[in-house]
PDBML (XML) file of the C-alpha atoms, coordinates in Angstrom:
<?xml version="1.0" encoding="UTF-8" ?>
<PDBx:datablock datablockName="MODEL"
   xmlns:PDBx="http://pdbml.pdb.org/schema/pdbx-v50.xsd"
   xmlns:xsi="http://www.w3.org/2001/XMLSchema-instance"
   xsi:schemaLocation="http://pdbml.pdb.org/schema/pdbx-v50.xsd pdbx-v50.xsd">
   <PDBx:atom_siteCategory>
      <PDBx:atom_site id="1">
         <PDBx:B_iso_or_equiv>0.00</PDBx:B_iso_or_equiv>
         <PDBx:Cartn_x>-4.400</PDBx:Cartn_x>
         <PDBx:Cartn_y>-7.172</PDBx:Cartn_y>
         <PDBx:Cartn_z>1.580</PDBx:Cartn_z>
         <PDBx:auth_asym_id>A</PDBx:auth_asym_id>
         <PDBx:auth_atom_id>CA</PDBx:auth_atom_id>
         <PDBx:auth_comp_id>LEU</PDBx:auth_comp_id>
         <PDBx:auth_seq_id>1</PDBx:auth_seq_id>
         <PDBx:group_PDB>ATOM</PDBx:group_PDB>
         <PDBx:label_alt_id xsi:nil="true" />
         <PDBx:label_asym_id>A</PDBx:label_asym_id>
         <PDBx:label_atom_id>CA</PDBx:label_atom_id>
         <PDBx:label_comp_id>LEU</PDBx:label_comp_id>
         <PDBx:label_entity_id>1</PDBx:label_entity_id>
         <PDBx:label_seq_id>1</PDBx:label_seq_id>
         <PDBx:occupancy>1.00</PDBx:occupancy>
         <PDBx:pdbx_PDB_model_num>1</PDBx:pdbx_PDB_model_num>
         <PDBx:type_symbol>C</PDBx:type_symbol>
      </PDBx:atom_site>
      <PDBx:atom_site id="2">
         <PDBx:B_iso_or_equiv>0.00</PDBx:B_iso_or_equiv>
         <PDBx:Cartn_x>-1.269</PDBx:Cartn_x>
         <PDBx:Cartn_y>-6.972</PDBx:Cartn_y>
         <PDBx:Cartn_z>-0.286</PDBx:Cartn_z>
         <PDBx:auth_asym_id>A</PDBx:auth_asym_id>
         <PDBx:auth_atom_id>CA</PDBx:auth_atom_id>
         <PDBx:auth_comp_id>ASP</PDBx:auth_comp_id>
         <PDBx:auth_seq_id>2</PDBx:auth_seq_id>
         <PDBx:group_PDB>ATOM</PDBx:group_PDB>
         <PDBx:label_alt_id xsi:nil="true" />
         <PDBx:label_asym_id>A</PDBx:label_asym_id>
         <PDBx:label_atom_id>CA</PDBx:label_atom_id>
         <PDBx:label_comp_id>ASP</PDBx:label_comp_id>
         <PDBx:label_entity_id>1</PDBx:label_entity_id>
         <PDBx:label_seq_id>2</PDBx:label_seq_id>
         <PDBx:occupancy>1.00</PDBx:occupancy>
         <PDBx:pdbx_PDB_model_num>1</PDBx:pdbx_PDB_model_num>
         <PDBx:type_symbol>C</PDBx:type_symbol>
      </PDBx:atom_site>
      <PDBx:atom_site id="3">
         <PDBx:B_iso_or_equiv>0.00</PDBx:B_iso_or_equiv>
         <PDBx:Cartn_x>-2.616</PDBx:Cartn_x>
         <PDBx:Cartn_y>-4.933</PDBx:Cartn_y>
         <PDBx:Cartn_z>-2.854</PDBx:Cartn_z>
         <PDBx:auth_asym_id>A</PDBx:auth_asym_id>
         <PDBx:auth_atom_id>CA</PDBx:auth_atom_id>
         <PDBx:auth_comp_id>GLU</PDBx:auth_comp_id>
         <PDBx:auth_seq_id>3</PDBx:auth_seq_id>
         <PDBx:group_PDB>ATOM</PDBx:group_PDB>
         <PDBx:label_alt_id xsi:nil="true" />
         <PDBx:label_asym_id>A</PDBx:label_asym_id>
         <PDBx:label_atom_id>CA</PDBx:label_atom_id>
         <PDBx:label_comp_id>GLU</PDBx:label_comp_id>
         <PDBx:label_entity_id>1</PDBx:label_entity_id>
         <PDBx:label_seq_id>3</PDBx:label_seq_id>
         <PDBx:occupancy>1.00</PDBx:occupancy>
         <PDBx:pdbx_PDB_model_num>1</PDBx:pdbx_PDB_model_num>
         <PDBx:type_symbol>C</PDBx:type_symbol>
      </PDBx:atom_site>
      <PDBx:atom_site id="4">
         <PDBx:B_iso_or_equiv>0.00</PDBx:B_iso_or_equiv>
         <PDBx:Cartn_x>-4.061</PDBx:Cartn_x>
         <PDBx:Cartn_y>-2.496</PDBx:Cartn_y>
         <PDBx:Cartn_z>-0.286</PDBx:Cartn_z>
         <PDBx:auth_asym_id>A</PDBx:auth_asym_id>
         <PDBx:auth_atom_id>CA</PDBx:auth_atom_id>
         <PDBx:auth_comp_id>LEU</PDBx:auth_comp_id>
         <PDBx:auth_seq_id>4</PDBx:auth_seq_id>
         <PDBx:group_PDB>ATOM</PDBx:group_PDB>
         <PDBx:label_alt_id xsi:nil="true" />
         <PDBx:label_asym_id>A</PDBx:label_asym_id>
         <PDBx:label_atom_id>CA</PDBx:label_atom_id>
         <PDBx:label_comp_id>LEU</PDBx:label_comp_id>
         <PDBx:label_entity_id>1</PDBx:label_entity_id>
         <PDBx:label_seq_id>4</PDBx:label_seq_id>
         <PDBx:occupancy>1.00</PDBx:occupancy>
         <PDBx:pdbx_PDB_model_num>1</PDBx:pdbx_PDB_model_num>
         <PDBx:type_symbol>C</PDBx:type_symbol>
      </PDBx:atom_site>
      <PDBx:atom_site id="5">
         <PDBx:B_iso_or_equiv>0.00</PDBx:B_iso_or_equiv>
         <PDBx:Cartn_x>-0.456</PDBx:Cartn_x>
         <PDBx:Cartn_y>-2.170</PDBx:Cartn_y>
         <PDBx:Cartn_z>1.305</PDBx:Cartn_z>
         <PDBx:auth_asym_id>A</PDBx:auth_asym_id>
         <PDBx:auth_atom_id>CA</PDBx:auth_atom_id>
         <PDBx:auth_comp_id>ILE</PDBx:auth_comp_id>
         <PDBx:auth_seq_id>5</PDBx:auth_seq_id>
         <PDBx:group_PDB>ATOM</PDBx:group_PDB>
         <PDBx:label_alt_id xsi:nil="true" />
         <PDBx:label_asym_id>A</PDBx:label_asym_id>
         <PDBx:label_atom_id>CA</PDBx:label_atom_id>
         <PDBx:label_comp_id>ILE</PDBx:label_comp_id>
         <PDBx:label_entity_id>1</PDBx:label_entity_id>
         <PDBx:label_seq_id>5</PDBx:label_seq_id>
         <PDBx:occupancy>1.00</PDBx:occupancy>
         <PDBx:pdbx_PDB_model_num>1</PDBx:pdbx_PDB_model_num>
         <PDBx:type_symbol>C</PDBx:type_symbol>
      </PDBx:atom_site>
      <PDBx:atom_site id="6">
         <PDBx:B_iso_or_equiv>0.00</PDBx:B_iso_or_equiv>
         <PDBx:Cartn_x>1.400</PDBx:Cartn_x>
         <PDBx:Cartn_y>-1.654</PDBx:Cartn_y>
         <PDBx:Cartn_z>-1.816</PDBx:Cartn_z>
         <PDBx:auth_asym_id>A</PDBx:auth_asym_id>
         <PDBx:auth_atom_id>CA</PDBx:auth_atom_id>
         <PDBx:auth_comp_id>VAL</PDBx:auth_comp_id>
         <PDBx:auth_seq_id>6</PDBx:auth_seq_id>
         <PDBx:group_PDB>ATOM</PDBx:group_PDB>
         <PDBx:label_alt_id xsi:nil="true" />
         <PDBx:label_asym_id>A</PDBx:label_asym_id>
         <PDBx:label_atom_id>CA</PDBx:label_atom_id>
         <PDBx:label_comp_id>VAL</PDBx:label_comp_id>
         <PDBx:label_entity_id>1</PDBx:label_entity_id>
         <PDBx:label_seq_id>6</PDBx:label_seq_id>
         <PDBx:occupancy>1.00</PDBx:occupancy>
         <PDBx:pdbx_PDB_model_num>1</PDBx:pdbx_PDB_model_num>
         <PDBx:type_symbol>C</PDBx:type_symbol>
      </PDBx:atom_site>
      <PDBx:atom_site id="7">
         <PDBx:B_iso_or_equiv>0.00</PDBx:B_iso_or_equiv>
         <PDBx:Cartn_x>-1.354</PDBx:Cartn_x>
         <PDBx:Cartn_y>0.796</PDBx:Cartn_y>
         <PDBx:Cartn_z>-2.953</PDBx:Cartn_z>
         <PDBx:auth_asym_id>A</PDBx:auth_asym_id>
         <PDBx:auth_atom_id>CA</PDBx:auth_atom_id>
         <PDBx:auth_comp_id>ALA</PDBx:auth_comp_id>
         <PDBx:auth_seq_id>7</PDBx:auth_seq_id>
         <PDBx:group_PDB>ATOM</PDBx:group_PDB>
         <PDBx:label_alt_id xsi:nil="true" />
         <PDBx:label_asym_id>A</PDBx:label_asym_id>
         <PDBx:label_atom_id>CA</PDBx:label_atom_id>
         <PDBx:label_comp_id>ALA</PDBx:label_comp_id>
         <PDBx:label_entity_id>1</PDBx:label_entity_id>
         <PDBx:label_seq_id>7</PDBx:label_seq_id>
         <PDBx:occupancy>1.00</PDBx:occupancy>
         <PDBx:pdbx_PDB_model_num>1</PDBx:pdbx_PDB_model_num>
         <PDBx:type_symbol>C</PDBx:type_symbol>
      </PDBx:atom_site>
      <PDBx:atom_site id="8">
         <PDBx:B_iso_or_equiv>0.00</PDBx:B_iso_or_equiv>
         <PDBx:Cartn_x>-0.939</PDBx:Cartn_x>
         <PDBx:Cartn_y>2.872</PDBx:Cartn_y>
         <PDBx:Cartn_z>0.620</PDBx:Cartn_z>
         <PDBx:auth_asym_id>A</PDBx:auth_asym_id>
         <PDBx:auth_atom_id>CA</PDBx:auth_atom_id>
         <PDBx:auth_comp_id>THR</PDBx:auth_comp_id>
         <PDBx:auth_seq_id>8</PDBx:auth_seq_id>
         <PDBx:group_PDB>ATOM</PDBx:group_PDB>
         <PDBx:label_alt_id xsi:nil="true" />
         <PDBx:label_asym_id>A</PDBx:label_asym_id>
         <PDBx:label_atom_id>CA</PDBx:label_atom_id>
         <PDBx:label_comp_id>THR</PDBx:label_comp_id>
         <PDBx:label_entity_id>1</PDBx:label_entity_id>
         <PDBx:label_seq_id>8</PDBx:label_seq_id>
         <PDBx:occupancy>1.00</PDBx:occupancy>
         <PDBx:pdbx_PDB_model_num>1</PDBx:pdbx_PDB_model_num>
         <PDBx:type_symbol>C</PDBx:type_symbol>
      </PDBx:atom_site>
      <PDBx:atom_site id="9">
         <PDBx:B_iso_or_equiv>0.00</PDBx:B_iso_or_equiv>
         <PDBx:Cartn_x>1.803</PDBx:Cartn_x>
         <PDBx:Cartn_y>5.257</PDBx:Cartn_y>
         <PDBx:Cartn_z>0.156</PDBx:Cartn_z>
         <PDBx:auth_asym_id>A</PDBx:auth_asym_id>
         <PDBx:auth_atom_id>CA</PDBx:auth_atom_id>
         <PDBx:auth_comp_id>ASN</PDBx:auth_comp_id>
         <PDBx:auth_seq_id>9</PDBx:auth_seq_id>
         <PDBx:group_PDB>ATOM</PDBx:group_PDB>
         <PDBx:label_alt_id xsi:nil="true" />
         <PDBx:label_asym_id>A</PDBx:label_asym_id>
         <PDBx:label_atom_id>CA</PDBx:label_atom_id>
         <PDBx:label_comp_id>ASN</PDBx:label_comp_id>
         <PDBx:label_entity_id>1</PDBx:label_entity_id>
         <PDBx:label_seq_id>9</PDBx:label_seq_id>
         <PDBx:occupancy>1.00</PDBx:occupancy>
         <PDBx:pdbx_PDB_model_num>1</PDBx:pdbx_PDB_model_num>
         <PDBx:type_symbol>C</PDBx:type_symbol>
      </PDBx:atom_site>
      <PDBx:atom_site id="10">
         <PDBx:B_iso_or_equiv>0.00</PDBx:B_iso_or_equiv>
         <PDBx:Cartn_x>2.969</PDBx:Cartn_x>
         <PDBx:Cartn_y>5.351</PDBx:Cartn_y>
         <PDBx:Cartn_z>4.011</PDBx:Cartn_z>
         <PDBx:auth_asym_id>A</PDBx:auth_asym_id>
         <PDBx:auth_atom_id>CA</PDBx:auth_atom_id>
         <PDBx:auth_comp_id>THR</PDBx:auth_comp_id>
         <PDBx:auth_seq_id>10</PDBx:auth_seq_id>
         <PDBx:group_PDB>ATOM</PDBx:group_PDB>
         <PDBx:label_alt_id xsi:nil="true" />
         <PDBx:label_asym_id>A</PDBx:label_asym_id>
         <PDBx:label_atom_id>CA</PDBx:label_atom_id>
         <PDBx:label_comp_id>THR</PDBx:label_comp_id>
         <PDBx:label_entity_id>1</PDBx:label_entity_id>
         <PDBx:label_seq_id>10</PDBx:label_seq_id>
         <PDBx:occupancy>1.00</PDBx:occupancy>
         <PDBx:pdbx_PDB_model_num>1</PDBx:pdbx_PDB_model_num>
         <PDBx:type_symbol>C</PDBx:type_symbol>
      </PDBx:atom_site>
      <PDBx:atom_site id="11">
         <PDBx:B_iso_or_equiv>0.00</PDBx:B_iso_or_equiv>
         <PDBx:Cartn_x>2.623</PDBx:Cartn_x>
         <PDBx:Cartn_y>1.418</PDBx:Cartn_y>
         <PDBx:Cartn_z>4.397</PDBx:Cartn_z>
         <PDBx:auth_asym_id>A</PDBx:auth_asym_id>
         <PDBx:auth_atom_id>CA</PDBx:auth_atom_id>
         <PDBx:auth_comp_id>ALA</PDBx:auth_comp_id>
         <PDBx:auth_seq_id>11</PDBx:auth_seq_id>
         <PDBx:group_PDB>ATOM</PDBx:group_PDB>
         <PDBx:label_alt_id xsi:nil="true" />
         <PDBx:label_asym_id>A</PDBx:label_asym_id>
         <PDBx:label_atom_id>CA</PDBx:label_atom_id>
         <PDBx:label_comp_id>ALA</PDBx:label_comp_id>
         <PDBx:label_entity_id>1</PDBx:label_entity_id>
         <PDBx:label_seq_id>11</PDBx:label_seq_id>
         <PDBx:occupancy>1.00</PDBx:occupancy>
         <PDBx:pdbx_PDB_model_num>1</PDBx:pdbx_PDB_model_num>
         <PDBx:type_symbol>C</PDBx:type_symbol>
      </PDBx:atom_site>
      <PDBx:atom_site id="12">
         <PDBx:B_iso_or_equiv>0.00</PDBx:B_iso_or_equiv>
         <PDBx:Cartn_x>5.802</PDBx:Cartn_x>
         <PDBx:Cartn_y>-0.457</PDBx:Cartn_y>
         <PDBx:Cartn_z>4.387</PDBx:Cartn_z>
         <PDBx:auth_asym_id>A</PDBx:auth_asym_id>
         <PDBx:auth_atom_id>CA</PDBx:auth_atom_id>
         <PDBx:auth_comp_id>ASP</PDBx:auth_comp_id>
         <PDBx:auth_seq_id>12</PDBx:auth_seq_id>
         <PDBx:group_PDB>ATOM</PDBx:group_PDB>
         <PDBx:label_alt_id xsi:nil="true" />
         <PDBx:label_asym_id>A</PDBx:label_asym_id>
         <PDBx:label_atom_id>CA</PDBx:label_atom_id>
         <PDBx:label_comp_id>ASP</PDBx:label_comp_id>
         <PDBx:label_entity_id>1</PDBx:label_entity_id>
         <PDBx:label_seq_id>12</PDBx:label_seq_id>
         <PDBx:occupancy>1.00</PDBx:occupancy>
         <PDBx:pdbx_PDB_model_num>1</PDBx:pdbx_PDB_model_num>
         <PDBx:type_symbol>C</PDBx:type_symbol>
      </PDBx:atom_site>
      <PDBx:atom_site id="13">
         <PDBx:B_iso_or_equiv>0.00</PDBx:B_iso_or_equiv>
         <PDBx:Cartn_x>5.697</PDBx:Cartn_x>
         <PDBx:Cartn_y>-2.762</PDBx:Cartn_y>
         <PDBx:Cartn_z>1.550</PDBx:Cartn_z>
         <PDBx:auth_asym_id>A</PDBx:auth_asym_id>
         <PDBx:auth_atom_id>CA</PDBx:auth_atom_id>
         <PDBx:auth_comp_id>ASN</PDBx:auth_comp_id>
         <PDBx:auth_seq_id>13</PDBx:auth_seq_id>
         <PDBx:group_PDB>ATOM</PDBx:group_PDB>
         <PDBx:label_alt_id xsi:nil="true" />
         <PDBx:label_asym_id>A</PDBx:label_asym_id>
         <PDBx:label_atom_id>CA</PDBx:label_atom_id>
         <PDBx:label_comp_id>ASN</PDBx:label_comp_id>
         <PDBx:label_entity_id>1</PDBx:label_entity_id>
         <PDBx:label_seq_id>13</PDBx:label_seq_id>
         <PDBx:occupancy>1.00</PDBx:occupancy>
         <PDBx:pdbx_PDB_model_num>1</PDBx:pdbx_PDB_model_num>
         <PDBx:type_symbol>C</PDBx:type_symbol>
      </PDBx:atom_site>
      <PDBx:atom_site id="14">
         <PDBx:B_iso_or_equiv>0.00</PDBx:B_iso_or_equiv>
         <PDBx:Cartn_x>7.959</PDBx:Cartn_x>
         <PDBx:Cartn_y>-5.270</PDBx:Cartn_y>
         <PDBx:Cartn_z>2.746</PDBx:Cartn_z>
         <PDBx:auth_asym_id>A</PDBx:auth_asym_id>
         <PDBx:auth_atom_id>CA</PDBx:auth_atom_id>
         <PDBx:auth_comp_id>GLU</PDBx:auth_comp_id>
         <PDBx:auth_seq_id>14</PDBx:auth_seq_id>
         <PDBx:group_PDB>ATOM</PDBx:group_PDB>
         <PDBx:label_alt_id xsi:nil="true" />
         <PDBx:label_asym_id>A</PDBx:label_asym_id>
         <PDBx:label_atom_id>CA</PDBx:label_atom_id>
         <PDBx:label_comp_id>GLU</PDBx:label_comp_id>
         <PDBx:label_entity_id>1</PDBx:label_entity_id>
         <PDBx:label_seq_id>14</PDBx:label_seq_id>
         <PDBx:occupancy>1.00</PDBx:occupancy>
         <PDBx:pdbx_PDB_model_num>1</PDBx:pdbx_PDB_model_num>
         <PDBx:type_symbol>C</PDBx:type_symbol>
      </PDBx:atom_site>
      <PDBx:atom_site id="15">
         <PDBx:B_iso_or_equiv>0.00</PDBx:B_iso_or_equiv>
         <PDBx:Cartn_x>4.915</PDBx:Cartn_x>
         <PDBx:Cartn_y>-6.368</PDBx:Cartn_y>
         <PDBx:Cartn_z>4.815</PDBx:Cartn_z>
         <PDBx:auth_asym_id>A</PDBx:auth_asym_id>
         <PDBx:auth_atom_id>CA</PDBx:auth_atom_id>
         <PDBx:auth_comp_id>VAL</PDBx:auth_comp_id>
         <PDBx:auth_seq_id>15</PDBx:auth_seq_id>
         <PDBx:group_PDB>ATOM</PDBx:group_PDB>
         <PDBx:label_alt_id xsi:nil="true" />
         <PDBx:label_asym_id>A</PDBx:label_asym_id>
         <PDBx:label_atom_id>CA</PDBx:label_atom_id>
         <PDBx:label_comp_id>VAL</PDBx:label_comp_id>
         <PDBx:label_entity_id>1</PDBx:label_entity_id>
         <PDBx:label_seq_id>15</PDBx:label_seq_id>
         <PDBx:occupancy>1.00</PDBx:occupancy>
         <PDBx:pdbx_PDB_model_num>1</PDBx:pdbx_PDB_model_num>
         <PDBx:type_symbol>C</PDBx:type_symbol>
      </PDBx:atom_site>
      <PDBx:atom_site id="16">
         <PDBx:B_iso_or_equiv>0.00</PDBx:B_iso_or_equiv>
         <PDBx:Cartn_x>2.919</PDBx:Cartn_x>
         <PDBx:Cartn_y>-7.330</PDBx:Cartn_y>
         <PDBx:Cartn_z>1.719</PDBx:Cartn_z>
         <PDBx:auth_asym_id>A</PDBx:auth_asym_id>
         <PDBx:auth_atom_id>CA</PDBx:auth_atom_id>
         <PDBx:auth_comp_id>ALA</PDBx:auth_comp_id>
         <PDBx:auth_seq_id>16</PDBx:auth_seq_id>
         <PDBx:group_PDB>ATOM</PDBx:group_PDB>
         <PDBx:label_alt_id xsi:nil="true" />
         <PDBx:label_asym_id>A</PDBx:label_asym_id>
         <PDBx:label_atom_id>CA</PDBx:label_atom_id>
         <PDBx:label_comp_id>ALA</PDBx:label_comp_id>
         <PDBx:label_entity_id>1</PDBx:label_entity_id>
         <PDBx:label_seq_id>16</PDBx:label_seq_id>
         <PDBx:occupancy>1.00</PDBx:occupancy>
         <PDBx:pdbx_PDB_model_num>1</PDBx:pdbx_PDB_model_num>
         <PDBx:type_symbol>C</PDBx:type_symbol>
      </PDBx:atom_site>
      <PDBx:atom_site id="17">
         <PDBx:B_iso_or_equiv>0.00</PDBx:B_iso_or_equiv>
         <PDBx:Cartn_x>5.291</PDBx:Cartn_x>
         <PDBx:Cartn_y>-10.669</PDBx:Cartn_y>
         <PDBx:Cartn_z>1.549</PDBx:Cartn_z>
         <PDBx:auth_asym_id>A</PDBx:auth_asym_id>
         <PDBx:auth_atom_id>CA</PDBx:auth_atom_id>
         <PDBx:auth_comp_id>ALA</PDBx:auth_comp_id>
         <PDBx:auth_seq_id>17</PDBx:auth_seq_id>
         <PDBx:group_PDB>ATOM</PDBx:group_PDB>
         <PDBx:label_alt_id xsi:nil="true" />
         <PDBx:label_asym_id>A</PDBx:label_asym_id>
         <PDBx:label_atom_id>CA</PDBx:label_atom_id>
         <PDBx:label_comp_id>ALA</PDBx:label_comp_id>
         <PDBx:label_entity_id>1</PDBx:label_entity_id>
         <PDBx:label_seq_id>17</PDBx:label_seq_id>
         <PDBx:occupancy>1.00</PDBx:occupancy>
         <PDBx:pdbx_PDB_model_num>1</PDBx:pdbx_PDB_model_num>
         <PDBx:type_symbol>C</PDBx:type_symbol>
      </PDBx:atom_site>
      <PDBx:atom_site id="18">
         <PDBx:B_iso_or_equiv>0.00</PDBx:B_iso_or_equiv>
         <PDBx:Cartn_x>5.484</PDBx:Cartn_x>
         <PDBx:Cartn_y>-11.110</PDBx:Cartn_y>
         <PDBx:Cartn_z>5.457</PDBx:Cartn_z>
         <PDBx:auth_asym_id>A</PDBx:auth_asym_id>
         <PDBx:auth_atom_id>CA</PDBx:auth_atom_id>
         <PDBx:auth_comp_id>ILE</PDBx:auth_comp_id>
         <PDBx:auth_seq_id>18</PDBx:auth_seq_id>
         <PDBx:group_PDB>ATOM</PDBx:group_PDB>
         <PDBx:label_alt_id xsi:nil="true" />
         <PDBx:label_asym_id>A</PDBx:label_asym_id>
         <PDBx:label_atom_id>CA</PDBx:label_atom_id>
         <PDBx:label_comp_id>ILE</PDBx:label_comp_id>
         <PDBx:label_entity_id>1</PDBx:label_entity_id>
         <PDBx:label_seq_id>18</PDBx:label_seq_id>
         <PDBx:occupancy>1.00</PDBx:occupancy>
         <PDBx:pdbx_PDB_model_num>1</PDBx:pdbx_PDB_model_num>
         <PDBx:type_symbol>C</PDBx:type_symbol>
      </PDBx:atom_site>
      <PDBx:atom_site id="19">
         <PDBx:B_iso_or_equiv>0.00</PDBx:B_iso_or_equiv>
         <PDBx:Cartn_x>3.998</PDBx:Cartn_x>
         <PDBx:Cartn_y>-14.570</PDBx:Cartn_y>
         <PDBx:Cartn_z>5.370</PDBx:Cartn_z>
         <PDBx:auth_asym_id>A</PDBx:auth_asym_id>
         <PDBx:auth_atom_id>CA</PDBx:auth_atom_id>
         <PDBx:auth_comp_id>GLU</PDBx:auth_comp_id>
         <PDBx:auth_seq_id>19</PDBx:auth_seq_id>
         <PDBx:group_PDB>ATOM</PDBx:group_PDB>
         <PDBx:label_alt_id xsi:nil="true" />
         <PDBx:label_asym_id>A</PDBx:label_asym_id>
         <PDBx:label_atom_id>CA</PDBx:label_atom_id>
         <PDBx:label_comp_id>GLU</PDBx:label_comp_id>
         <PDBx:label_entity_id>1</PDBx:label_entity_id>
         <PDBx:label_seq_id>19</PDBx:label_seq_id>
         <PDBx:occupancy>1.00</PDBx:occupancy>
         <PDBx:pdbx_PDB_model_num>1</PDBx:pdbx_PDB_model_num>
         <PDBx:type_symbol>C</PDBx:type_symbol>
      </PDBx:atom_site>
      <PDBx:atom_site id="20">
         <PDBx:B_iso_or_equiv>0.00</PDBx:B_iso_or_equiv>
         <PDBx:Cartn_x>7.163</PDBx:Cartn_x>
         <PDBx:Cartn_y>-16.004</PDBx:Cartn_y>
         <PDBx:Cartn_z>4.109</PDBx:Cartn_z>
         <PDBx:auth_asym_id>A</PDBx:auth_asym_id>
         <PDBx:auth_atom_id>CA</PDBx:auth_atom_id>
         <PDBx:auth_comp_id>GLU</PDBx:auth_comp_id>
         <PDBx:auth_seq_id>20</PDBx:auth_seq_id>
         <PDBx:group_PDB>ATOM</PDBx:group_PDB>
         <PDBx:label_alt_id xsi:nil="true" />
         <PDBx:label_asym_id>A</PDBx:label_asym_id>
         <PDBx:label_atom_id>CA</PDBx:label_atom_id>
         <PDBx:label_comp_id>GLU</PDBx:label_comp_id>
         <PDBx:label_entity_id>1</PDBx:label_entity_id>
         <PDBx:label_seq_id>20</PDBx:label_seq_id>
         <PDBx:occupancy>1.00</PDBx:occupancy>
         <PDBx:pdbx_PDB_model_num>1</PDBx:pdbx_PDB_model_num>
         <PDBx:type_symbol>C</PDBx:type_symbol>
      </PDBx:atom_site>
      <PDBx:atom_site id="21">
         <PDBx:B_iso_or_equiv>0.00</PDBx:B_iso_or_equiv>
         <PDBx:Cartn_x>8.951</PDBx:Cartn_x>
         <PDBx:Cartn_y>-14.657</PDBx:Cartn_y>
         <PDBx:Cartn_z>7.357</PDBx:Cartn_z>
         <PDBx:auth_asym_id>A</PDBx:auth_asym_id>
         <PDBx:auth_atom_id>CA</PDBx:auth_atom_id>
         <PDBx:auth_comp_id>LYS</PDBx:auth_comp_id>
         <PDBx:auth_seq_id>21</PDBx:auth_seq_id>
         <PDBx:group_PDB>ATOM</PDBx:group_PDB>
         <PDBx:label_alt_id xsi:nil="true" />
         <PDBx:label_asym_id>A</PDBx:label_asym_id>
         <PDBx:label_atom_id>CA</PDBx:label_atom_id>
         <PDBx:label_comp_id>LYS</PDBx:label_comp_id>
         <PDBx:label_entity_id>1</PDBx:label_entity_id>
         <PDBx:label_seq_id>21</PDBx:label_seq_id>
         <PDBx:occupancy>1.00</PDBx:occupancy>
         <PDBx:pdbx_PDB_model_num>1</PDBx:pdbx_PDB_model_num>
         <PDBx:type_symbol>C</PDBx:type_symbol>
      </PDBx:atom_site>
      <PDBx:atom_site id="22">
         <PDBx:B_iso_or_equiv>0.00</PDBx:B_iso_or_equiv>
         <PDBx:Cartn_x>9.737</PDBx:Cartn_x>
         <PDBx:Cartn_y>-17.205</PDBx:Cartn_y>
         <PDBx:Cartn_z>10.091</PDBx:Cartn_z>
         <PDBx:auth_asym_id>A</PDBx:auth_asym_id>
         <PDBx:auth_atom_id>CA</PDBx:auth_atom_id>
         <PDBx:auth_comp_id>THR</PDBx:auth_comp_id>
         <PDBx:auth_seq_id>22</PDBx:auth_seq_id>
         <PDBx:group_PDB>ATOM</PDBx:group_PDB>
         <PDBx:label_alt_id xsi:nil="true" />
         <PDBx:label_asym_id>A</PDBx:label_asym_id>
         <PDBx:label_atom_id>CA</PDBx:label_atom_id>
         <PDBx:label_comp_id>THR</PDBx:label_comp_id>
         <PDBx:label_entity_id>1</PDBx:label_entity_id>
         <PDBx:label_seq_id>22</PDBx:label_seq_id>
         <PDBx:occupancy>1.00</PDBx:occupancy>
         <PDBx:pdbx_PDB_model_num>1</PDBx:pdbx_PDB_model_num>
         <PDBx:type_symbol>C</PDBx:type_symbol>
      </PDBx:atom_site>
      <PDBx:atom_site id="23">
         <PDBx:B_iso_or_equiv>0.00</PDBx:B_iso_or_equiv>
         <PDBx:Cartn_x>7.970</PDBx:Cartn_x>
         <PDBx:Cartn_y>-17.185</PDBx:Cartn_y>
         <PDBx:Cartn_z>13.621</PDBx:Cartn_z>
         <PDBx:auth_asym_id>A</PDBx:auth_asym_id>
         <PDBx:auth_atom_id>CA</PDBx:auth_atom_id>
         <PDBx:auth_comp_id>ASP</PDBx:auth_comp_id>
         <PDBx:auth_seq_id>23</PDBx:auth_seq_id>
         <PDBx:group_PDB>ATOM</PDBx:group_PDB>
         <PDBx:label_alt_id xsi:nil="true" />
         <PDBx:label_asym_id>A</PDBx:label_asym_id>
         <PDBx:label_atom_id>CA</PDBx:label_atom_id>
         <PDBx:label_comp_id>ASP</PDBx:label_comp_id>
         <PDBx:label_entity_id>1</PDBx:label_entity_id>
         <PDBx:label_seq_id>23</PDBx:label_seq_id>
         <PDBx:occupancy>1.00</PDBx:occupancy>
         <PDBx:pdbx_PDB_model_num>1</PDBx:pdbx_PDB_model_num>
         <PDBx:type_symbol>C</PDBx:type_symbol>
      </PDBx:atom_site>
      <PDBx:atom_site id="24">
         <PDBx:B_iso_or_equiv>0.00</PDBx:B_iso_or_equiv>
         <PDBx:Cartn_x>10.317</PDBx:Cartn_x>
         <PDBx:Cartn_y>-14.864</PDBx:Cartn_y>
         <PDBx:Cartn_z>15.184</PDBx:Cartn_z>
         <PDBx:auth_asym_id>A</PDBx:auth_asym_id>
         <PDBx:auth_atom_id>CA</PDBx:auth_atom_id>
         <PDBx:auth_comp_id>GLU</PDBx:auth_comp_id>
         <PDBx:auth_seq_id>24</PDBx:auth_seq_id>
         <PDBx:group_PDB>ATOM</PDBx:group_PDB>
         <PDBx:label_alt_id xsi:nil="true" />
         <PDBx:label_asym_id>A</PDBx:label_asym_id>
         <PDBx:label_atom_id>CA</PDBx:label_atom_id>
         <PDBx:label_comp_id>GLU</PDBx:label_comp_id>
         <PDBx:label_entity_id>1</PDBx:label_entity_id>
         <PDBx:label_seq_id>24</PDBx:label_seq_id>
         <PDBx:occupancy>1.00</PDBx:occupancy>
         <PDBx:pdbx_PDB_model_num>1</PDBx:pdbx_PDB_model_num>
         <PDBx:type_symbol>C</PDBx:type_symbol>
      </PDBx:atom_site>
   </PDBx:atom_siteCategory>
</PDBx:datablock>
């Protein structure tokens, strides 16, 4: 999924590492 996010030009690349974020 991260590879698809990074490869998509209009995607927000910060989402690729979102599993590291807090629940909030």
